[in-house]
Amino acid sequence: MSGGVLFGPSAWDPVAIIGQIVALQCLYYLSLGLLYKLIVAPYVRNLTLYHFFDWRWASFSSFQGWMVCIAGFTNALVAAILLRLIVQRAKKCLDFAGTILFIHLVAVWCFSGFPRHAAWWALQGSNLAATSLLGEYLCMQKEMQEIPLTSLRRNGAATAAAGPGSSRPSSGGGLGRGGPNPRSSGANVMELTSIVTQPSGGGWGPLSPVK
């Protein structure tokens, strides 16, 4: 694989895609656990899996619910950085961000039932927007760093293929960028000599063109 640890080729590679999904999902939950430990744990008695996979904890009506939402949204920003490190392609960020949250939805559904709180859905929607948009921005910065080197290589190859004698003579005749045009110069000489005069008898008369 080129361009990163789990970068993967541009062609369809199911093994690379599955590896990226597994890596992103594991790091997503790892960072979520660290954020819950820092933000949520000081305000709850015991931090358990219910805080991760029970949709009832995401709420805007309690202080603990706000802490859960803040930790979840902060983790969405961390997930965008993970997209920059693992995926590294802006056009793939929305797909991988949606996959992360879809797997999380399935895990929550299996653990505590289908989510029915609007606060939980609002949190996941904002997480999807933040992860995909920030991830695309970071990946575009990565892609822009590769453009100058590619442009220089293409310009150098074009110059080498053209060679030193690639200049074409100017089509208007005379002294152009490509040097004098022999045909145009000869025509000018013939035109000038046709009007040259010389003495004939008592005066001057036109001479025939010099051959």
N, C-alpha and C. Protein backbone atom coordinates (compact mmCIF):
# COMPACT_ATOMS: atom_id res chain seq x y z
N MET A 1 0.84 -1.19 0.00
CA MET A 1 0.00 0.00 0.00
C MET A 1 0.87 1.24 0.00
N SER A 2 0.48 2.22 -0.79
CA SER A 2 1.27 3.42 -0.92
C SER A 2 0.56 4.59 -0.30
N GLY A 3 1.36 5.56 0.19
CA GLY A 3 0.82 6.81 0.69
C GLY A 3 0.42 6.78 2.14
N GLY A 4 0.55 5.67 2.85
CA GLY A 4 0.18 5.63 4.24
C GLY A 4 0.12 4.19 4.71
N VAL A 5 -0.09 4.02 6.03
CA VAL A 5 -0.11 2.68 6.59
C VAL A 5 -1.29 1.90 6.05
N LEU A 6 -2.46 2.52 6.05
CA LEU A 6 -3.65 1.84 5.55
C LEU A 6 -4.27 2.66 4.43
N PHE A 7 -3.41 3.24 3.63
CA PHE A 7 -3.91 4.16 2.59
C PHE A 7 -4.68 3.42 1.52
N GLY A 8 -4.10 2.36 1.01
CA GLY A 8 -4.79 1.56 0.01
C GLY A 8 -4.69 2.15 -1.37
N PRO A 9 -4.73 1.32 -2.41
CA PRO A 9 -4.66 1.80 -3.78
C PRO A 9 -5.96 2.47 -4.19
N SER A 10 -5.91 3.16 -5.34
CA SER A 10 -7.10 3.84 -5.82
C SER A 10 -8.13 2.85 -6.37
N ALA A 11 -7.70 1.67 -6.79
CA ALA A 11 -8.62 0.67 -7.31
C ALA A 11 -9.39 0.03 -6.16
N TRP A 12 -10.43 -0.71 -6.51
CA TRP A 12 -11.27 -1.39 -5.53
C TRP A 12 -10.47 -2.48 -4.84
N ASP A 13 -10.33 -2.36 -3.51
CA ASP A 13 -9.58 -3.33 -2.72
C ASP A 13 -10.36 -3.60 -1.44
N PRO A 14 -11.18 -4.63 -1.40
CA PRO A 14 -12.02 -4.90 -0.22
C PRO A 14 -11.21 -5.13 1.05
N VAL A 15 -10.05 -5.76 0.93
CA VAL A 15 -9.24 -6.02 2.12
C VAL A 15 -8.76 -4.72 2.74
N ALA A 16 -8.30 -3.79 1.90
CA ALA A 16 -7.84 -2.50 2.42
C ALA A 16 -8.99 -1.71 3.02
N ILE A 17 -10.16 -1.74 2.40
CA ILE A 17 -11.31 -1.00 2.91
C ILE A 17 -11.76 -1.57 4.26
N ILE A 18 -11.82 -2.89 4.38
CA ILE A 18 -12.20 -3.50 5.65
C ILE A 18 -11.17 -3.18 6.73
N GLY A 19 -9.90 -3.20 6.37
CA GLY A 19 -8.87 -2.83 7.34
C GLY A 19 -9.01 -1.39 7.82
N GLN A 20 -9.35 -0.48 6.91
CA GLN A 20 -9.55 0.90 7.29
C GLN A 20 -10.76 1.05 8.22
N ILE A 21 -11.85 0.35 7.91
CA ILE A 21 -13.05 0.43 8.74
C ILE A 21 -12.79 -0.09 10.14
N VAL A 22 -12.12 -1.23 10.23
CA VAL A 22 -11.82 -1.82 11.55
C VAL A 22 -10.92 -0.88 12.36
N ALA A 23 -9.88 -0.34 11.71
CA ALA A 23 -8.96 0.56 12.40
C ALA A 23 -9.69 1.82 12.88
N LEU A 24 -10.52 2.39 12.01
CA LEU A 24 -11.25 3.60 12.40
C LEU A 24 -12.22 3.34 13.54
N GLN A 25 -12.94 2.22 13.48
CA GLN A 25 -13.93 1.93 14.53
C GLN A 25 -13.26 1.67 15.87
N CYS A 26 -12.16 0.94 15.87
CA CYS A 26 -11.45 0.68 17.13
C CYS A 26 -10.89 1.96 17.73
N LEU A 27 -10.27 2.79 16.89
CA LEU A 27 -9.73 4.05 17.40
C LEU A 27 -10.84 5.01 17.81
N TYR A 28 -11.99 4.92 17.14
CA TYR A 28 -13.13 5.77 17.50
C TYR A 28 -13.59 5.47 18.92
N TYR A 29 -13.75 4.21 19.25
CA TYR A 29 -14.19 3.85 20.59
C TYR A 29 -13.09 4.06 21.63
N LEU A 30 -11.84 3.89 21.23
CA LEU A 30 -10.75 4.15 22.15
C LEU A 30 -10.71 5.63 22.55
N SER A 31 -10.80 6.51 21.56
CA SER A 31 -10.80 7.94 21.88
C SER A 31 -12.07 8.35 22.61
N LEU A 32 -13.21 7.71 22.29
CA LEU A 32 -14.44 8.01 23.01
C LEU A 32 -14.33 7.62 24.48
N GLY A 33 -13.69 6.47 24.76
CA GLY A 33 -13.49 6.07 26.14
C GLY A 33 -12.61 7.04 26.91
N LEU A 34 -11.55 7.53 26.27
CA LEU A 34 -10.67 8.50 26.93
C LEU A 34 -11.41 9.81 27.21
N LEU A 35 -12.22 10.25 26.26
CA LEU A 35 -12.97 11.49 26.46
C LEU A 35 -14.04 11.32 27.53
N TYR A 36 -14.70 10.17 27.57
CA TYR A 36 -15.67 9.92 28.63
C TYR A 36 -15.00 9.92 30.00
N LYS A 37 -13.80 9.36 30.05
CA LYS A 37 -13.06 9.33 31.32
C LYS A 37 -12.71 10.74 31.78
N LEU A 38 -12.39 11.62 30.83
CA LEU A 38 -12.01 12.99 31.20
C LEU A 38 -13.19 13.90 31.43
N ILE A 39 -14.27 13.72 30.65
CA ILE A 39 -15.38 14.68 30.68
C ILE A 39 -16.57 14.17 31.47
N VAL A 40 -16.92 12.90 31.31
CA VAL A 40 -18.15 12.38 31.91
C VAL A 40 -17.90 11.76 33.28
N ALA A 41 -16.79 11.03 33.43
CA ALA A 41 -16.54 10.28 34.67
C ALA A 41 -16.56 11.15 35.93
N PRO A 42 -16.05 12.38 35.92
CA PRO A 42 -16.10 13.18 37.16
C PRO A 42 -17.51 13.52 37.64
N TYR A 43 -18.53 13.35 36.80
CA TYR A 43 -19.88 13.77 37.16
C TYR A 43 -20.86 12.61 37.28
N VAL A 44 -20.39 11.38 37.14
CA VAL A 44 -21.25 10.21 37.33
C VAL A 44 -20.61 9.30 38.38
N ARG A 45 -21.45 8.49 38.98
CA ARG A 45 -20.94 7.63 40.06
C ARG A 45 -20.06 6.53 39.51
N ASN A 46 -20.53 5.81 38.52
CA ASN A 46 -19.75 4.74 37.90
C ASN A 46 -19.89 4.84 36.39
N LEU A 47 -18.75 4.89 35.71
CA LEU A 47 -18.75 4.95 34.25
C LEU A 47 -18.81 3.52 33.71
N THR A 48 -19.89 3.19 33.00
CA THR A 48 -20.09 1.84 32.49
C THR A 48 -20.37 1.90 30.98
N LEU A 49 -20.62 0.72 30.42
CA LEU A 49 -20.94 0.65 29.01
C LEU A 49 -22.27 1.31 28.67
N TYR A 50 -23.12 1.49 29.67
CA TYR A 50 -24.39 2.16 29.41
C TYR A 50 -24.17 3.59 28.91
N HIS A 51 -23.13 4.23 29.38
CA HIS A 51 -22.84 5.58 28.92
C HIS A 51 -22.39 5.61 27.46
N PHE A 52 -21.86 4.50 26.99
CA PHE A 52 -21.42 4.41 25.60
C PHE A 52 -22.55 4.02 24.66
N PHE A 53 -23.36 3.04 25.07
CA PHE A 53 -24.31 2.42 24.15
C PHE A 53 -25.76 2.53 24.59
N ASP A 54 -26.06 3.35 25.55
CA ASP A 54 -27.45 3.60 25.94
C ASP A 54 -27.83 4.99 25.48
N TRP A 55 -28.77 5.06 24.53
CA TRP A 55 -29.12 6.34 23.93
C TRP A 55 -29.81 7.29 24.92
N ARG A 56 -30.27 6.78 26.06
CA ARG A 56 -30.95 7.63 27.03
C ARG A 56 -30.01 8.61 27.72
N TRP A 57 -28.69 8.34 27.67
CA TRP A 57 -27.74 9.22 28.34
C TRP A 57 -27.50 10.50 27.53
N ALA A 58 -27.75 10.47 26.25
CA ALA A 58 -27.60 11.69 25.44
C ALA A 58 -28.84 12.54 25.61
N SER A 59 -28.69 13.61 26.38
CA SER A 59 -29.85 14.44 26.71
C SER A 59 -29.41 15.88 26.89
N PHE A 60 -30.34 16.80 26.56
CA PHE A 60 -30.09 18.22 26.76
C PHE A 60 -30.82 18.77 28.00
N SER A 61 -31.38 17.87 28.77
CA SER A 61 -32.16 18.30 29.94
C SER A 61 -31.46 18.06 31.26
N SER A 62 -30.25 17.49 31.23
CA SER A 62 -29.50 17.25 32.46
C SER A 62 -28.03 17.58 32.23
N PHE A 63 -27.34 17.85 33.33
CA PHE A 63 -25.93 18.20 33.22
C PHE A 63 -25.11 17.01 32.73
N GLN A 64 -25.40 15.80 33.25
CA GLN A 64 -24.68 14.62 32.79
C GLN A 64 -24.94 14.35 31.31
N GLY A 65 -26.18 14.60 30.87
CA GLY A 65 -26.49 14.41 29.47
C GLY A 65 -25.71 15.38 28.57
N TRP A 66 -25.55 16.61 29.04
CA TRP A 66 -24.75 17.58 28.29
C TRP A 66 -23.29 17.15 28.21
N MET A 67 -22.76 16.59 29.29
CA MET A 67 -21.38 16.13 29.28
C MET A 67 -21.19 14.97 28.29
N VAL A 68 -22.20 14.09 28.23
CA VAL A 68 -22.14 12.99 27.25
C VAL A 68 -22.15 13.54 25.83
N CYS A 69 -22.99 14.53 25.58
CA CYS A 69 -23.05 15.13 24.24
C CYS A 69 -21.75 15.84 23.89
N ILE A 70 -21.18 16.55 24.83
CA ILE A 70 -19.91 17.25 24.57
C ILE A 70 -18.80 16.26 24.27
N ALA A 71 -18.75 15.18 25.04
CA ALA A 71 -17.73 14.16 24.79
C ALA A 71 -17.93 13.51 23.43
N GLY A 72 -19.18 13.24 23.06
CA GLY A 72 -19.45 12.63 21.76
C GLY A 72 -19.09 13.54 20.60
N PHE A 73 -19.41 14.83 20.73
CA PHE A 73 -19.08 15.75 19.65
C PHE A 73 -17.57 15.97 19.54
N THR A 74 -16.89 16.04 20.68
CA THR A 74 -15.44 16.17 20.64
C THR A 74 -14.80 14.95 19.98
N ASN A 75 -15.40 13.79 20.22
CA ASN A 75 -14.87 12.58 19.58
C ASN A 75 -15.08 12.60 18.07
N ALA A 76 -16.12 13.29 17.62
CA ALA A 76 -16.32 13.44 16.17
C ALA A 76 -15.18 14.22 15.54
N LEU A 77 -14.67 15.23 16.24
CA LEU A 77 -13.52 15.98 15.73
C LEU A 77 -12.26 15.12 15.71
N VAL A 78 -12.12 14.26 16.71
CA VAL A 78 -10.99 13.33 16.72
C VAL A 78 -11.11 12.34 15.56
N ALA A 79 -12.33 11.92 15.25
CA ALA A 79 -12.54 10.99 14.14
C ALA A 79 -12.13 11.63 12.81
N ALA A 80 -12.33 12.95 12.68
CA ALA A 80 -11.88 13.63 11.45
C ALA A 80 -10.37 13.56 11.31
N ILE A 81 -9.65 13.69 12.41
CA ILE A 81 -8.19 13.56 12.36
C ILE A 81 -7.80 12.13 11.99
N LEU A 82 -8.56 11.15 12.48
CA LEU A 82 -8.29 9.76 12.11
C LEU A 82 -8.50 9.53 10.61
N LEU A 83 -9.51 10.19 10.03
CA LEU A 83 -9.71 10.09 8.58
C LEU A 83 -8.50 10.65 7.84
N ARG A 84 -7.97 11.74 8.35
CA ARG A 84 -6.78 12.34 7.72
C ARG A 84 -5.58 11.40 7.76
N LEU A 85 -5.45 10.65 8.86
CA LEU A 85 -4.30 9.78 9.03
C LEU A 85 -4.45 8.44 8.31
N ILE A 86 -5.68 7.93 8.22
CA ILE A 86 -5.89 6.58 7.71
C ILE A 86 -6.44 6.58 6.28
N VAL A 87 -7.47 7.37 6.03
CA VAL A 87 -8.10 7.38 4.71
C VAL A 87 -7.33 8.25 3.73
N GLN A 88 -7.07 9.50 4.09
CA GLN A 88 -6.23 10.42 3.32
C GLN A 88 -6.82 10.80 1.97
N ARG A 89 -8.09 10.63 1.76
CA ARG A 89 -8.75 11.03 0.52
C ARG A 89 -10.05 11.74 0.86
N ALA A 90 -10.19 12.98 0.36
CA ALA A 90 -11.35 13.80 0.72
C ALA A 90 -12.66 13.19 0.22
N LYS A 91 -12.65 12.60 -0.96
CA LYS A 91 -13.89 12.07 -1.53
C LYS A 91 -14.41 10.83 -0.78
N LYS A 92 -13.58 10.24 0.08
CA LYS A 92 -14.01 9.06 0.82
C LYS A 92 -14.44 9.37 2.25
N CYS A 93 -14.28 10.61 2.68
CA CYS A 93 -14.52 10.94 4.10
C CYS A 93 -15.98 10.74 4.49
N LEU A 94 -16.91 11.17 3.65
CA LEU A 94 -18.32 11.03 3.98
C LEU A 94 -18.72 9.57 4.10
N ASP A 95 -18.20 8.73 3.23
CA ASP A 95 -18.53 7.30 3.29
C ASP A 95 -18.02 6.66 4.58
N PHE A 96 -16.77 6.97 4.94
CA PHE A 96 -16.21 6.36 6.15
C PHE A 96 -16.84 6.95 7.42
N ALA A 97 -17.14 8.24 7.41
CA ALA A 97 -17.80 8.84 8.58
C ALA A 97 -19.20 8.24 8.76
N GLY A 98 -19.93 8.07 7.67
CA GLY A 98 -21.24 7.43 7.77
C GLY A 98 -21.15 5.98 8.23
N THR A 99 -20.10 5.29 7.80
CA THR A 99 -19.93 3.90 8.22
C THR A 99 -19.65 3.81 9.71
N ILE A 100 -18.82 4.70 10.24
CA ILE A 100 -18.52 4.70 11.67
C ILE A 100 -19.79 4.88 12.49
N LEU A 101 -20.60 5.86 12.13
CA LEU A 101 -21.81 6.15 12.90
C LEU A 101 -22.89 5.10 12.68
N PHE A 102 -22.92 4.48 11.50
CA PHE A 102 -23.88 3.41 11.27
C PHE A 102 -23.56 2.20 12.15
N ILE A 103 -22.29 1.86 12.23
CA ILE A 103 -21.90 0.75 13.11
C ILE A 103 -22.23 1.09 14.57
N HIS A 104 -22.01 2.36 14.94
CA HIS A 104 -22.35 2.78 16.31
C HIS A 104 -23.86 2.68 16.54
N LEU A 105 -24.66 3.04 15.53
CA LEU A 105 -26.12 2.91 15.65
C LEU A 105 -26.52 1.46 15.86
N VAL A 106 -25.91 0.56 15.11
CA VAL A 106 -26.23 -0.86 15.25
C VAL A 106 -25.85 -1.35 16.65
N ALA A 107 -24.69 -0.91 17.16
CA ALA A 107 -24.27 -1.32 18.50
C ALA A 107 -25.23 -0.79 19.57
N VAL A 108 -25.64 0.47 19.42
CA VAL A 108 -26.60 1.05 20.38
C VAL A 108 -27.94 0.32 20.30
N TRP A 109 -28.38 0.02 19.09
CA TRP A 109 -29.66 -0.67 18.90
C TRP A 109 -29.63 -2.05 19.56
N CYS A 110 -28.54 -2.78 19.40
CA CYS A 110 -28.43 -4.11 20.02
C CYS A 110 -28.32 -4.04 21.54
N PHE A 111 -27.74 -2.95 22.05
CA PHE A 111 -27.48 -2.87 23.49
C PHE A 111 -28.69 -2.35 24.26
N SER A 112 -29.35 -1.30 23.72
CA SER A 112 -30.43 -0.67 24.49
C SER A 112 -31.69 -0.40 23.68
N GLY A 113 -31.79 -0.99 22.50
CA GLY A 113 -32.99 -0.77 21.69
C GLY A 113 -32.79 0.40 20.72
N PHE A 114 -33.77 0.53 19.83
CA PHE A 114 -33.67 1.58 18.82
C PHE A 114 -33.80 2.95 19.48
N PRO A 115 -32.90 3.89 19.15
CA PRO A 115 -32.94 5.21 19.80
C PRO A 115 -34.23 5.96 19.48
N ARG A 116 -34.81 6.56 20.53
CA ARG A 116 -36.06 7.30 20.37
C ARG A 116 -35.97 8.73 20.90
N HIS A 117 -34.78 9.15 21.32
CA HIS A 117 -34.61 10.52 21.79
C HIS A 117 -34.12 11.40 20.63
N ALA A 118 -34.75 12.56 20.51
CA ALA A 118 -34.32 13.50 19.47
C ALA A 118 -32.92 14.01 19.74
N ALA A 119 -32.54 14.10 21.02
CA ALA A 119 -31.21 14.59 21.37
C ALA A 119 -30.13 13.65 20.84
N TRP A 120 -30.39 12.34 20.91
CA TRP A 120 -29.40 11.38 20.41
C TRP A 120 -29.22 11.52 18.90
N TRP A 121 -30.33 11.64 18.18
CA TRP A 121 -30.25 11.79 16.73
C TRP A 121 -29.61 13.12 16.34
N ALA A 122 -29.91 14.18 17.09
CA ALA A 122 -29.28 15.47 16.81
C ALA A 122 -27.77 15.39 17.02
N LEU A 123 -27.36 14.68 18.06
CA LEU A 123 -25.93 14.52 18.33
C LEU A 123 -25.25 13.74 17.20
N GLN A 124 -25.87 12.66 16.76
CA GLN A 124 -25.25 11.87 15.70
C GLN A 124 -25.22 12.62 14.36
N GLY A 125 -26.25 13.41 14.09
CA GLY A 125 -26.25 14.20 12.86
C GLY A 125 -25.15 15.25 12.87
N SER A 126 -24.98 15.93 14.02
CA SER A 126 -23.89 16.91 14.12
C SER A 126 -22.53 16.22 14.07
N ASN A 127 -22.44 15.04 14.64
CA ASN A 127 -21.17 14.30 14.57
C ASN A 127 -20.83 13.92 13.12
N LEU A 128 -21.83 13.49 12.36
CA LEU A 128 -21.60 13.14 10.96
C LEU A 128 -21.14 14.35 10.16
N ALA A 129 -21.79 15.48 10.37
CA ALA A 129 -21.41 16.69 9.64
C ALA A 129 -20.00 17.14 10.02
N ALA A 130 -19.69 17.14 11.31
CA ALA A 130 -18.37 17.60 11.76
C ALA A 130 -17.26 16.67 11.27
N THR A 131 -17.49 15.37 11.39
CA THR A 131 -16.45 14.41 10.98
C THR A 131 -16.19 14.47 9.48
N SER A 132 -17.25 14.49 8.68
CA SER A 132 -17.07 14.47 7.23
C SER A 132 -16.48 15.79 6.71
N LEU A 133 -16.99 16.93 7.19
CA LEU A 133 -16.51 18.22 6.68
C LEU A 133 -15.07 18.50 7.12
N LEU A 134 -14.80 18.30 8.40
CA LEU A 134 -13.44 18.53 8.87
C LEU A 134 -12.48 17.51 8.27
N GLY A 135 -12.92 16.27 8.13
CA GLY A 135 -12.07 15.26 7.51
C GLY A 135 -11.75 15.59 6.06
N GLU A 136 -12.76 16.07 5.31
CA GLU A 136 -12.51 16.46 3.93
C GLU A 136 -11.53 17.62 3.85
N TYR A 137 -11.67 18.58 4.75
CA TYR A 137 -10.75 19.72 4.75
C TYR A 137 -9.31 19.27 5.03
N LEU A 138 -9.14 18.42 6.03
CA LEU A 138 -7.79 17.96 6.36
C LEU A 138 -7.20 17.10 5.25
N CYS A 139 -8.02 16.27 4.64
CA CYS A 139 -7.52 15.43 3.54
C CYS A 139 -7.20 16.27 2.30
N MET A 140 -7.96 17.33 2.06
CA MET A 140 -7.65 18.22 0.94
C MET A 140 -6.32 18.93 1.15
N GLN A 141 -6.02 19.29 2.40
CA GLN A 141 -4.71 19.88 2.68
C GLN A 141 -3.59 18.89 2.37
N LYS A 142 -3.82 17.64 2.68
CA LYS A 142 -2.85 16.60 2.37
C LYS A 142 -2.68 16.43 0.86
N GLU A 143 -3.80 16.44 0.12
CA GLU A 143 -3.74 16.27 -1.32
C GLU A 143 -3.07 17.45 -2.00
N MET A 144 -3.29 18.66 -1.47
CA MET A 144 -2.68 19.85 -2.08
C MET A 144 -1.16 19.84 -1.94
N GLN A 145 -0.65 19.17 -0.93
CA GLN A 145 0.80 19.09 -0.76
C GLN A 145 1.45 18.24 -1.84
N GLU A 146 0.69 17.36 -2.49
CA GLU A 146 1.24 16.47 -3.51
C GLU A 146 1.20 17.10 -4.89
N ILE A 147 0.43 18.16 -5.09
CA ILE A 147 0.26 18.74 -6.42
C ILE A 147 1.52 19.40 -6.95
N PRO A 148 2.27 20.25 -6.18
CA PRO A 148 3.45 20.91 -6.76
C PRO A 148 4.49 19.95 -7.33
N LEU A 149 4.78 18.87 -6.64
CA LEU A 149 5.76 17.91 -7.14
C LEU A 149 5.30 17.27 -8.44
N THR A 150 4.03 16.94 -8.53
CA THR A 150 3.50 16.35 -9.75
C THR A 150 3.57 17.33 -10.91
N SER A 151 3.24 18.61 -10.65
CA SER A 151 3.28 19.61 -11.72
C SER A 151 4.70 19.82 -12.23
N LEU A 152 5.66 19.86 -11.32
CA LEU A 152 7.04 20.05 -11.74
C LEU A 152 7.53 18.89 -12.59
N ARG A 153 7.14 17.69 -12.23
CA ARG A 153 7.57 16.53 -13.00
C ARG A 153 6.96 16.56 -14.40
N ARG A 154 5.70 16.95 -14.50
CA ARG A 154 5.06 16.99 -15.82
C ARG A 154 5.66 18.08 -16.69
N ASN A 155 5.92 19.26 -16.09
CA ASN A 155 6.53 20.33 -16.86
C ASN A 155 7.93 19.96 -17.35
N GLY A 156 8.70 19.30 -16.49
CA GLY A 156 10.03 18.87 -16.89
C GLY A 156 9.99 17.85 -18.01
N ALA A 157 9.04 16.94 -17.95
CA ALA A 157 8.92 15.93 -19.01
C ALA A 157 8.50 16.56 -20.32
N ALA A 158 7.60 17.56 -20.26
CA ALA A 158 7.16 18.23 -21.49
C ALA A 158 8.31 19.00 -22.13
N THR A 159 9.12 19.67 -21.30
CA THR A 159 10.25 20.42 -21.83
C THR A 159 11.29 19.50 -22.46
N ALA A 160 11.55 18.36 -21.82
CA ALA A 160 12.52 17.41 -22.37
C ALA A 160 12.04 16.81 -23.68
N ALA A 161 10.73 16.55 -23.78
CA ALA A 161 10.20 15.97 -25.01
C ALA A 161 10.21 16.97 -26.16
N ALA A 162 10.02 18.27 -25.85
CA ALA A 162 10.00 19.29 -26.90
C ALA A 162 11.37 19.49 -27.49
N GLY A 163 12.44 19.48 -26.68
CA GLY A 163 13.80 19.65 -27.18
C GLY A 163 14.14 21.11 -27.40
N PRO A 164 15.42 21.40 -27.69
CA PRO A 164 15.85 22.79 -27.86
C PRO A 164 15.39 23.42 -29.14
N GLY A 165 15.05 22.66 -30.19
CA GLY A 165 14.67 23.26 -31.48
C GLY A 165 13.19 23.25 -31.70
N SER A 166 12.41 23.47 -30.62
CA SER A 166 10.97 23.41 -30.76
C SER A 166 10.36 24.71 -31.21
N SER A 167 11.16 25.80 -31.34
CA SER A 167 10.60 27.09 -31.76
C SER A 167 10.26 27.03 -33.23
N ARG A 168 9.11 27.56 -33.59
CA ARG A 168 8.66 27.56 -34.97
C ARG A 168 8.86 28.93 -35.59
N PRO A 169 9.19 28.99 -36.88
CA PRO A 169 9.35 30.29 -37.51
C PRO A 169 8.03 31.02 -37.59
N SER A 170 8.14 32.35 -37.57
CA SER A 170 6.94 33.16 -37.65
C SER A 170 6.35 33.08 -39.03
N SER A 171 5.01 33.01 -39.11
CA SER A 171 4.32 32.81 -40.38
C SER A 171 4.20 34.10 -41.18
N GLY A 172 4.51 35.24 -40.57
CA GLY A 172 4.35 36.50 -41.28
C GLY A 172 5.55 36.89 -42.08
N GLY A 173 6.63 36.12 -42.07
CA GLY A 173 7.84 36.45 -42.81
C GLY A 173 8.71 37.41 -42.04
N GLY A 174 9.92 37.66 -42.56
CA GLY A 174 10.81 38.62 -41.92
C GLY A 174 11.45 38.02 -40.70
N LEU A 175 11.79 38.86 -39.76
CA LEU A 175 12.50 38.43 -38.57
C LEU A 175 11.49 38.19 -37.46
N GLY A 176 11.02 37.00 -37.31
CA GLY A 176 10.12 36.63 -36.22
C GLY A 176 10.88 35.91 -35.16
N ARG A 177 10.14 35.26 -34.29
CA ARG A 177 10.80 34.51 -33.22
C ARG A 177 11.57 33.33 -33.77
N GLY A 178 11.16 32.80 -34.87
CA GLY A 178 11.83 31.63 -35.42
C GLY A 178 12.92 31.98 -36.41
N GLY A 179 13.28 33.27 -36.59
CA GLY A 179 14.34 33.63 -37.53
C GLY A 179 13.76 34.05 -38.87
N PRO A 180 14.59 34.48 -39.83
CA PRO A 180 14.11 34.95 -41.12
C PRO A 180 13.51 33.84 -41.95
N ASN A 181 12.55 34.22 -42.80
CA ASN A 181 11.91 33.29 -43.71
C ASN A 181 12.56 33.45 -45.09
N PRO A 182 13.26 32.43 -45.62
CA PRO A 182 13.99 32.58 -46.89
C PRO A 182 13.08 32.94 -48.04
N ARG A 183 11.93 32.34 -48.16
CA ARG A 183 11.04 32.61 -49.29
C ARG A 183 10.55 34.07 -49.26
N SER A 184 10.19 34.50 -48.06
CA SER A 184 9.70 35.87 -47.94
C SER A 184 10.80 36.87 -48.26
N SER A 185 12.05 36.62 -47.86
CA SER A 185 13.17 37.52 -48.15
C SER A 185 13.45 37.58 -49.64
N GLY A 186 13.43 36.42 -50.35
CA GLY A 186 13.66 36.42 -51.79
C GLY A 186 12.61 37.20 -52.54
N ALA A 187 11.37 37.11 -52.13
CA ALA A 187 10.30 37.86 -52.78
C ALA A 187 10.50 39.35 -52.61
N ASN A 188 10.96 39.75 -51.43
CA ASN A 188 11.22 41.17 -51.19
C ASN A 188 12.34 41.69 -52.07
N VAL A 189 13.41 40.90 -52.28
CA VAL A 189 14.52 41.33 -53.15
C VAL A 189 14.04 41.51 -54.57
N MET A 190 13.24 40.57 -55.08
CA MET A 190 12.73 40.68 -56.45
C MET A 190 11.86 41.91 -56.62
N GLU A 191 11.10 42.22 -55.60
CA GLU A 191 10.22 43.40 -55.70
C GLU A 191 11.03 44.68 -55.71
N LEU A 192 12.11 44.74 -54.93
CA LEU A 192 12.94 45.94 -54.90
C LEU A 192 13.71 46.14 -56.20
N THR A 193 14.24 45.06 -56.74
CA THR A 193 15.04 45.19 -57.97
C THR A 193 14.19 45.54 -59.17
N SER A 194 12.88 45.27 -59.09
CA SER A 194 12.01 45.58 -60.22
C SER A 194 11.80 47.07 -60.41
N ILE A 195 12.09 47.89 -59.41
CA ILE A 195 11.87 49.33 -59.52
C ILE A 195 13.18 50.08 -59.65
N VAL A 196 14.31 49.37 -59.75
CA VAL A 196 15.61 50.04 -59.93
C VAL A 196 15.70 50.57 -61.36
N THR A 197 16.19 51.79 -61.55
CA THR A 197 16.32 52.38 -62.89
C THR A 197 17.77 52.63 -63.20
N GLN A 198 18.11 52.74 -64.54
CA GLN A 198 19.45 53.03 -65.00
C GLN A 198 19.36 53.93 -66.22
N PRO A 199 20.44 54.68 -66.55
CA PRO A 199 20.38 55.56 -67.71
C PRO A 199 20.23 54.77 -68.99
N SER A 200 19.31 55.26 -69.88
CA SER A 200 19.10 54.64 -71.20
C SER A 200 18.92 55.76 -72.20
N GLY A 201 19.92 55.97 -73.06
CA GLY A 201 19.89 57.06 -74.01
C GLY A 201 20.07 58.39 -73.31
N GLY A 202 19.09 59.29 -73.39
CA GLY A 202 19.20 60.59 -72.76
C GLY A 202 18.54 60.65 -71.41
N GLY A 203 17.97 59.57 -70.91
CA GLY A 203 17.30 59.64 -69.61
C GLY A 203 17.35 58.33 -68.88
N TRP A 204 16.49 58.27 -67.95
CA TRP A 204 16.46 57.07 -67.11
C TRP A 204 15.22 56.27 -67.42
N GLY A 205 15.36 55.02 -67.47
CA GLY A 205 14.22 54.16 -67.73
C GLY A 205 14.25 52.93 -66.85
N PRO A 206 13.14 52.29 -66.69
CA PRO A 206 13.10 51.10 -65.82
C PRO A 206 13.85 49.93 -66.42
N LEU A 207 14.50 49.22 -65.61
CA LEU A 207 15.23 48.03 -66.02
C LEU A 207 14.38 46.81 -65.75
N SER A 208 14.67 45.77 -66.46
CA SER A 208 14.00 44.51 -66.18
C SER A 208 14.56 43.92 -64.89
N PRO A 209 13.80 43.10 -64.22
CA PRO A 209 14.28 42.51 -62.97
C PRO A 209 15.56 41.73 -63.17
N VAL A 210 16.43 41.83 -62.21
CA VAL A 210 17.69 41.09 -62.24
C VAL A 210 17.39 39.62 -62.08
N LYS A 211 17.98 38.80 -62.95
CA LYS A 211 17.78 37.37 -62.86
C LYS A 211 18.98 36.70 -62.24
